[in-house]
Amino acid sequence: MKAAVIESVGRAVVTEVPDPTPGPREVVVEVAACGLCGTDLHILQGEFAPKLPIVPGHEFAGEVVGVGAQVTEVAVGDQVAVDPSLYCYECRYCRTGHNNLCERWAAIGVTTAGGAAKYAVAPVANCVKLPEHVRTQDAALIEPLSCAVRGYDVLRSRLGAHVLIYGSGTMGLMMLELAKRTGAASVDVVDVNPARLETARGLGVSASAANPDELDRPQGWDLVIDATGNAAAIQDGLGRVAKAGTFLQFGVADYATRVTIDPYRIYNQEITITGSMAVLHSYERAAELFANDVLDPDVFISDRIPLDRYPQALEQFAAGVGRKIVVVP
């Protein structure tokens, strides 16, 4: 079958690889679409994936075309979205309900072959059946949405909060949509990319700007969310949190990224700084939200690029052109 392969640091190709064979409790999915993500760029840069080569792609959905001998939950022909998370269920963090912090954390498309291919294999436990009205070509959005749902679980946001989001790429826009639906009094968005900021305005924001100094909130925001992973944005955002407010590090920063904090201010103003890592008990909820139109796929997906052009799709994504880019086998 045809698949994208990150062969080595900085090199991605499209080539032929063997068709996957399901184990007893696994299924084979014919991929309808696979989303690109910042994680894929980190893998290309030699981070996250424990070894190369690897078939990337942890955001995907499609049709079941093969099942293992012990699979009864789904059948050939079912449309499914796939949670890429793979846990050991044995370590301290798994046993205390923090599976996303698993000491042996793994993921389809990161540590094992993923969905940037004609076919992908997944444990049946990771497959969520989709209602008939959901287009599998759009359902690659469910995985990033599940990360956003996890972010809001961490925030424990209260009604009437004033929210500031840095970044209006896919993840920033998803946090915007969830903020609107969790009773925020206002949601402001900051981005230096005019095209992406225009999309945020189209979805409905209280205010938007390239520089937060242009926004009228002198006392700061109750919730500040970084969806960029950019050091300058993170540093600025930490200074915009209101008293008793919360800063969420949601964007994925490079390993070497560093910012400074003001310990006295954190103490004196009771500021919370927290993070949200991937998916935790949120994939099924994201699938339900998606099926109930919490997102408009035609707004979020800007480009549908053939799998043959996967290296070019990565380049476009790295350049910040467009919103969610999906590859189509």
Protein backbone atom coordinates (compact mmCIF):
# COMPACT_ATOMS: atom_id res chain seq x y z
CA MET A 1 0.00 0.00 0.00
CA LYS A 2 0.99 3.64 -0.38
CA ALA A 3 2.05 5.52 2.75
CA ALA A 4 3.89 8.63 3.87
CA VAL A 5 7.06 7.81 5.78
CA ILE A 6 9.27 10.11 7.82
CA GLU A 7 12.51 8.34 7.01
CA SER A 8 14.96 10.49 8.92
CA VAL A 9 15.22 13.92 10.48
CA GLY A 10 14.02 16.44 7.92
CA ARG A 11 13.05 13.89 5.28
CA ALA A 12 9.52 12.69 4.46
CA VAL A 13 8.67 10.56 1.41
CA VAL A 14 5.69 8.70 -0.04
CA THR A 15 6.43 5.07 -0.78
CA GLU A 16 5.04 1.54 -0.81
CA VAL A 17 4.87 -0.37 2.48
CA PRO A 18 3.30 -3.74 3.37
CA ASP A 19 -0.46 -3.82 4.00
CA PRO A 20 -1.22 -4.03 7.74
CA THR A 21 -2.56 -7.22 9.28
CA PRO A 22 -4.85 -6.97 12.33
CA GLY A 23 -4.12 -8.80 15.55
CA PRO A 24 -6.93 -10.63 17.40
CA ARG A 25 -8.32 -7.42 18.95
CA GLU A 26 -7.40 -5.03 16.15
CA VAL A 27 -9.08 -3.65 13.05
CA VAL A 28 -7.83 -2.38 9.70
CA VAL A 29 -9.20 1.02 8.70
CA GLU A 30 -9.24 2.31 5.14
CA VAL A 31 -8.28 5.90 5.83
CA ALA A 32 -10.65 8.57 4.50
CA ALA A 33 -8.54 11.51 5.66
CA CYS A 34 -5.61 12.16 7.96
CA GLY A 35 -4.92 15.53 9.56
CA LEU A 36 -1.54 17.19 9.88
CA CYS A 37 -0.52 18.45 13.30
CA GLY A 38 2.36 20.21 15.01
CA THR A 39 3.34 16.82 16.39
CA ASP A 40 4.14 15.70 12.84
CA LEU A 41 6.57 18.61 12.50
CA HIS A 42 8.20 17.66 15.80
CA ILE A 43 8.66 14.11 14.51
CA LEU A 44 10.18 15.50 11.31
CA GLN A 45 12.57 17.50 13.51
CA GLY A 46 13.64 14.38 15.38
CA GLU A 47 11.46 14.88 18.47
CA PHE A 48 8.65 12.79 20.03
CA ALA A 49 8.94 9.62 17.92
CA PRO A 50 11.29 7.17 19.65
CA LYS A 51 12.71 5.95 16.36
CA LEU A 52 12.55 6.55 12.64
CA PRO A 53 11.36 5.62 10.06
CA ILE A 54 7.69 5.95 11.02
CA VAL A 55 4.41 6.26 9.14
CA PRO A 56 2.97 9.41 10.80
CA GLY A 57 -0.64 10.45 11.20
CA HIS A 58 -2.48 10.35 14.53
CA GLU A 59 -5.60 12.24 13.39
CA PHE A 60 -7.62 9.96 11.13
CA ALA A 61 -10.92 8.30 10.43
CA GLY A 62 -12.23 5.88 7.83
CA GLU A 63 -14.03 2.64 7.10
CA VAL A 64 -13.35 -0.69 8.77
CA VAL A 65 -12.18 -3.14 6.09
CA GLY A 66 -10.72 -5.89 8.24
CA VAL A 67 -11.21 -7.21 11.77
CA GLY A 68 -9.26 -9.53 14.04
CA ALA A 69 -10.61 -12.90 15.15
CA GLN A 70 -11.76 -11.60 18.57
CA VAL A 71 -13.38 -8.35 17.42
CA THR A 72 -17.14 -8.10 17.98
CA GLU A 73 -17.62 -4.37 18.69
CA VAL A 74 -17.33 -3.19 15.07
CA ALA A 75 -17.82 -4.84 11.69
CA VAL A 76 -16.53 -4.41 8.18
CA GLY A 77 -18.23 -1.39 6.66
CA ASP A 78 -18.52 0.61 9.90
CA GLN A 79 -17.29 4.21 9.83
CA VAL A 80 -14.94 4.96 12.71
CA ALA A 81 -12.69 7.64 14.12
CA VAL A 82 -9.54 6.42 15.86
CA ASP A 83 -8.18 7.56 19.22
CA PRO A 84 -4.41 7.24 18.71
CA SER A 85 -3.53 6.96 22.42
CA LEU A 86 -1.84 3.74 23.57
CA TYR A 87 -1.37 3.20 27.31
CA CYS A 88 0.21 0.46 29.43
CA TYR A 89 -2.56 0.53 32.10
CA GLU A 90 0.04 -0.70 34.60
CA CYS A 91 2.19 2.25 35.66
CA ARG A 92 1.44 4.59 38.56
CA TYR A 93 -0.12 7.23 36.32
CA CYS A 94 -2.41 4.83 34.50
CA ARG A 95 -3.51 3.32 37.81
CA THR A 96 -4.39 6.77 39.17
CA GLY A 97 -6.39 7.79 36.10
CA HIS A 98 -3.71 9.93 34.41
CA ASN A 99 -3.27 7.67 31.39
CA ASN A 100 -2.10 10.53 29.19
CA LEU A 101 0.97 10.75 31.44
CA CYS A 102 1.65 7.01 31.11
CA GLU A 103 5.29 6.10 31.73
CA ARG A 104 5.14 3.95 28.58
CA TRP A 105 2.97 6.40 26.62
CA ALA A 106 2.68 5.56 22.95
CA ALA A 107 0.46 6.59 20.08
CA ILE A 108 -0.59 5.48 16.64
CA GLY A 109 1.28 7.69 14.20
CA VAL A 110 4.00 8.54 16.73
CA THR A 111 5.40 5.26 18.04
CA THR A 112 3.57 2.88 15.69
CA ALA A 113 2.45 3.23 12.07
CA GLY A 114 -0.29 5.81 11.66
CA GLY A 115 -2.98 7.07 9.33
CA ALA A 116 -0.95 8.85 6.65
CA ALA A 117 -1.48 5.80 4.50
CA LYS A 118 -4.07 3.89 2.50
CA TYR A 119 -4.74 1.61 5.47
CA ALA A 120 -4.01 1.77 9.20
CA VAL A 121 -4.35 -0.75 12.00
CA ALA A 122 -5.75 0.13 15.43
CA PRO A 123 -6.98 -1.63 18.58
CA VAL A 124 -10.74 -2.02 18.46
CA ALA A 125 -10.89 -0.30 21.86
CA ASN A 126 -9.58 2.87 20.18
CA CYS A 127 -12.28 2.95 17.50
CA VAL A 128 -15.38 5.10 17.93
CA LYS A 129 -18.26 4.33 15.57
CA LEU A 130 -19.61 7.37 13.77
CA PRO A 131 -23.24 8.20 13.04
CA GLU A 132 -24.24 7.92 9.40
CA HIS A 133 -24.55 11.67 8.94
CA VAL A 134 -20.89 12.31 9.85
CA ARG A 135 -18.53 12.42 6.86
CA THR A 136 -15.40 10.40 7.57
CA GLN A 137 -13.49 12.86 5.36
CA ASP A 138 -14.17 15.45 8.10
CA ALA A 139 -13.81 13.23 11.15
CA ALA A 140 -10.03 13.63 11.33
CA LEU A 141 -10.99 16.75 13.31
CA ILE A 142 -12.21 14.63 16.22
CA GLU A 143 -8.73 13.89 17.59
CA PRO A 144 -7.63 17.54 17.90
CA LEU A 145 -11.07 18.37 19.27
CA SER A 146 -10.56 15.72 21.96
CA CYS A 147 -7.34 17.50 22.96
CA ALA A 148 -9.29 20.76 23.26
CA VAL A 149 -11.95 19.04 25.38
CA ARG A 150 -9.17 17.79 27.66
CA GLY A 151 -7.87 21.36 27.88
CA TYR A 152 -11.24 22.55 29.13
CA ASP A 153 -11.35 19.71 31.62
CA VAL A 154 -8.09 21.04 33.06
CA LEU A 155 -9.34 24.63 33.11
CA ARG A 156 -12.47 23.82 35.13
CA SER A 157 -13.73 27.13 33.78
CA ARG A 158 -16.54 28.93 35.52
CA LEU A 159 -19.48 30.75 33.96
CA GLY A 160 -18.85 34.36 33.03
CA ALA A 161 -15.08 34.08 32.60
CA HIS A 162 -13.15 36.48 30.38
CA VAL A 163 -10.94 34.41 28.06
CA LEU A 164 -7.86 35.35 26.01
CA ILE A 165 -6.54 32.90 23.41
CA TYR A 166 -3.15 33.24 21.75
CA GLY A 167 -3.24 31.73 18.27
CA SER A 168 -6.09 31.18 15.82
CA GLY A 169 -4.83 28.06 14.09
CA THR A 170 -6.86 24.87 14.38
CA MET A 171 -6.36 24.43 18.11
CA GLY A 172 -6.92 28.07 18.99
CA LEU A 173 -10.14 28.08 16.98
CA MET A 174 -11.31 24.90 18.70
CA MET A 175 -10.65 26.46 22.10
CA LEU A 176 -12.61 29.49 20.89
CA GLU A 177 -15.61 27.35 19.97
CA LEU A 178 -15.52 25.53 23.31
CA ALA A 179 -15.13 28.80 25.25
CA LYS A 180 -18.25 30.15 23.56
CA ARG A 181 -20.15 27.04 24.61
CA THR A 182 -18.95 26.93 28.22
CA GLY A 183 -20.45 30.24 29.28
CA ALA A 184 -17.57 32.67 28.74
CA ALA A 185 -18.49 36.32 29.18
CA SER A 186 -16.00 37.29 26.49
CA VAL A 187 -13.49 35.52 24.25
CA ASP A 188 -10.64 37.55 22.77
CA VAL A 189 -8.11 36.19 20.28
CA VAL A 190 -4.58 37.34 19.43
CA ASP A 191 -2.68 36.26 16.32
CA VAL A 192 -0.04 37.81 14.06
CA ASN A 193 -1.41 35.91 11.04
CA PRO A 194 -4.11 38.17 9.49
CA ALA A 195 -5.80 35.37 7.53
CA ARG A 196 -6.18 33.16 10.59
CA LEU A 197 -7.38 36.08 12.69
CA GLU A 198 -10.03 36.80 10.07
CA THR A 199 -11.28 33.22 10.44
CA ALA A 200 -11.55 33.71 14.20
CA ARG A 201 -13.59 36.85 13.63
CA GLY A 202 -15.87 34.90 11.32
CA LEU A 203 -16.54 32.36 14.05
CA GLY A 204 -17.40 35.12 16.49
CA VAL A 205 -15.02 36.75 18.96
CA SER A 206 -15.51 39.55 21.44
CA ALA A 207 -12.34 41.26 20.21
CA SER A 208 -9.26 40.36 18.20
CA ALA A 209 -5.87 41.92 17.53
CA ALA A 210 -2.32 41.24 16.44
CA ASN A 211 -1.11 42.71 19.74
CA PRO A 212 -2.95 42.25 23.06
CA ASP A 213 -2.11 45.85 23.97
CA GLU A 214 -4.86 46.76 21.50
CA LEU A 215 -7.46 44.94 23.61
CA ASP A 216 -9.34 46.70 26.39
CA ARG A 217 -8.86 44.50 29.44
CA PRO A 218 -6.56 46.41 31.83
CA GLN A 219 -7.23 44.04 34.73
CA GLY A 220 -6.30 41.02 32.64
CA TRP A 221 -8.23 37.87 31.73
CA ASP A 222 -9.58 35.13 33.97
CA LEU A 223 -8.38 32.45 31.57
CA VAL A 224 -5.39 32.87 29.27
CA ILE A 225 -4.76 30.03 26.82
CA ASP A 226 -1.63 29.68 24.73
CA ALA A 227 -2.36 27.68 21.58
CA THR A 228 0.89 28.61 19.82
CA GLY A 229 3.82 27.06 21.70
CA ASN A 230 5.68 30.26 20.84
CA ALA A 231 7.97 31.60 23.59
CA ALA A 232 7.08 35.26 23.02
CA ALA A 233 3.35 34.53 23.11
CA ILE A 234 3.69 32.42 26.25
CA GLN A 235 5.76 35.06 28.00
CA ASP A 236 3.28 37.78 27.12
CA GLY A 237 0.30 35.64 28.12
CA LEU A 238 1.69 34.94 31.57
CA GLY A 239 1.60 38.66 32.21
CA ARG A 240 -2.03 39.02 31.10
CA VAL A 241 -3.61 36.73 33.69
CA ALA A 242 -5.96 38.50 36.09
CA LYS A 243 -5.82 38.01 39.83
CA ALA A 244 -7.04 34.52 40.76
CA GLY A 245 -6.85 33.64 37.06
CA THR A 246 -5.43 30.66 35.21
CA PHE A 247 -2.86 30.31 32.43
CA LEU A 248 -3.14 27.14 30.33
CA GLN A 249 -0.18 25.97 28.29
CA PHE A 250 -2.05 24.21 25.52
CA GLY A 251 0.22 24.75 22.50
CA VAL A 252 3.13 22.36 22.00
CA ALA A 253 6.43 24.17 22.46
CA ASP A 254 9.86 22.96 21.37
CA TYR A 255 11.85 21.19 24.07
CA ALA A 256 14.27 24.12 24.29
CA THR A 257 11.61 26.83 24.78
CA ARG A 258 12.07 28.81 27.99
CA VAL A 259 10.11 31.64 29.65
CA THR A 260 10.40 33.36 33.02
CA ILE A 261 7.80 33.59 35.76
CA ASP A 262 7.26 36.03 38.63
CA PRO A 263 6.94 33.81 41.73
CA TYR A 264 5.84 36.66 44.01
CA ARG A 265 3.01 37.61 41.63
CA ILE A 266 1.89 33.99 41.36
CA TYR A 267 1.77 33.79 45.15
CA ASN A 268 0.32 37.22 45.82
CA GLN A 269 -2.38 37.09 43.13
CA GLU A 270 -3.15 33.38 43.45
CA ILE A 271 -2.44 32.69 39.78
CA THR A 272 -2.62 29.13 38.50
CA ILE A 273 -0.27 27.94 35.74
CA THR A 274 -1.18 24.56 34.30
CA GLY A 275 -0.84 22.40 31.19
CA SER A 276 -2.90 19.99 29.13
CA MET A 277 -1.32 17.04 27.35
CA ALA A 278 -3.14 15.26 24.54
CA VAL A 279 -6.24 13.17 25.21
CA LEU A 280 -7.67 11.90 28.48
CA HIS A 281 -11.20 10.44 28.72
CA SER A 282 -12.21 12.99 26.10
CA TYR A 283 -12.23 11.26 22.72
CA GLU A 284 -15.74 9.86 22.90
CA ARG A 285 -17.10 13.20 24.15
CA ALA A 286 -15.33 14.97 21.29
CA ALA A 287 -16.89 12.54 18.81
CA GLU A 288 -20.34 13.29 20.22
CA LEU A 289 -19.75 17.04 20.12
CA PHE A 290 -18.53 16.73 16.54
CA ALA A 291 -21.59 14.72 15.56
CA ASN A 292 -23.70 17.50 17.09
CA ASP A 293 -22.02 20.18 14.95
CA VAL A 294 -19.85 21.91 17.53
CA LEU A 295 -17.47 22.61 14.64
CA ASP A 296 -18.05 23.49 11.00
CA PRO A 297 -15.62 21.26 9.06
CA ASP A 298 -15.78 23.54 6.04
CA VAL A 299 -14.37 26.36 8.15
CA PHE A 300 -11.74 24.31 9.95
CA ILE A 301 -10.41 22.27 7.03
CA SER A 302 -8.75 24.64 4.58
CA ASP A 303 -6.91 22.12 2.39
CA ARG A 304 -7.48 18.52 1.30
CA ILE A 305 -4.22 17.36 -0.28
CA PRO A 306 -3.57 13.98 -1.95
CA LEU A 307 -1.35 11.63 0.03
CA ASP A 308 1.12 11.68 -2.88
CA ARG A 309 1.92 15.28 -1.90
CA TYR A 310 2.48 14.62 1.80
CA PRO A 311 5.95 16.26 1.90
CA GLN A 312 4.53 19.39 0.25
CA ALA A 313 1.59 19.36 2.68
CA LEU A 314 4.06 19.32 5.58
CA GLU A 315 5.90 22.28 4.07
CA GLN A 316 2.67 24.23 3.72
CA PHE A 317 1.69 23.43 7.29
CA ALA A 318 5.11 24.49 8.59
CA ALA A 319 4.76 27.80 6.72
CA GLY A 320 1.48 28.52 8.51
CA VAL A 321 -0.55 28.64 5.32
CA GLY A 322 -4.17 27.61 5.79
CA ARG A 323 -5.90 26.09 8.80
CA LYS A 324 -6.32 22.35 9.23
CA ILE A 325 -4.66 20.47 6.37
CA VAL A 326 -5.74 16.90 5.76
CA VAL A 327 -4.21 14.40 3.38
CA VAL A 328 -6.47 12.10 1.43
CA PRO A 329 -5.19 8.66 0.33
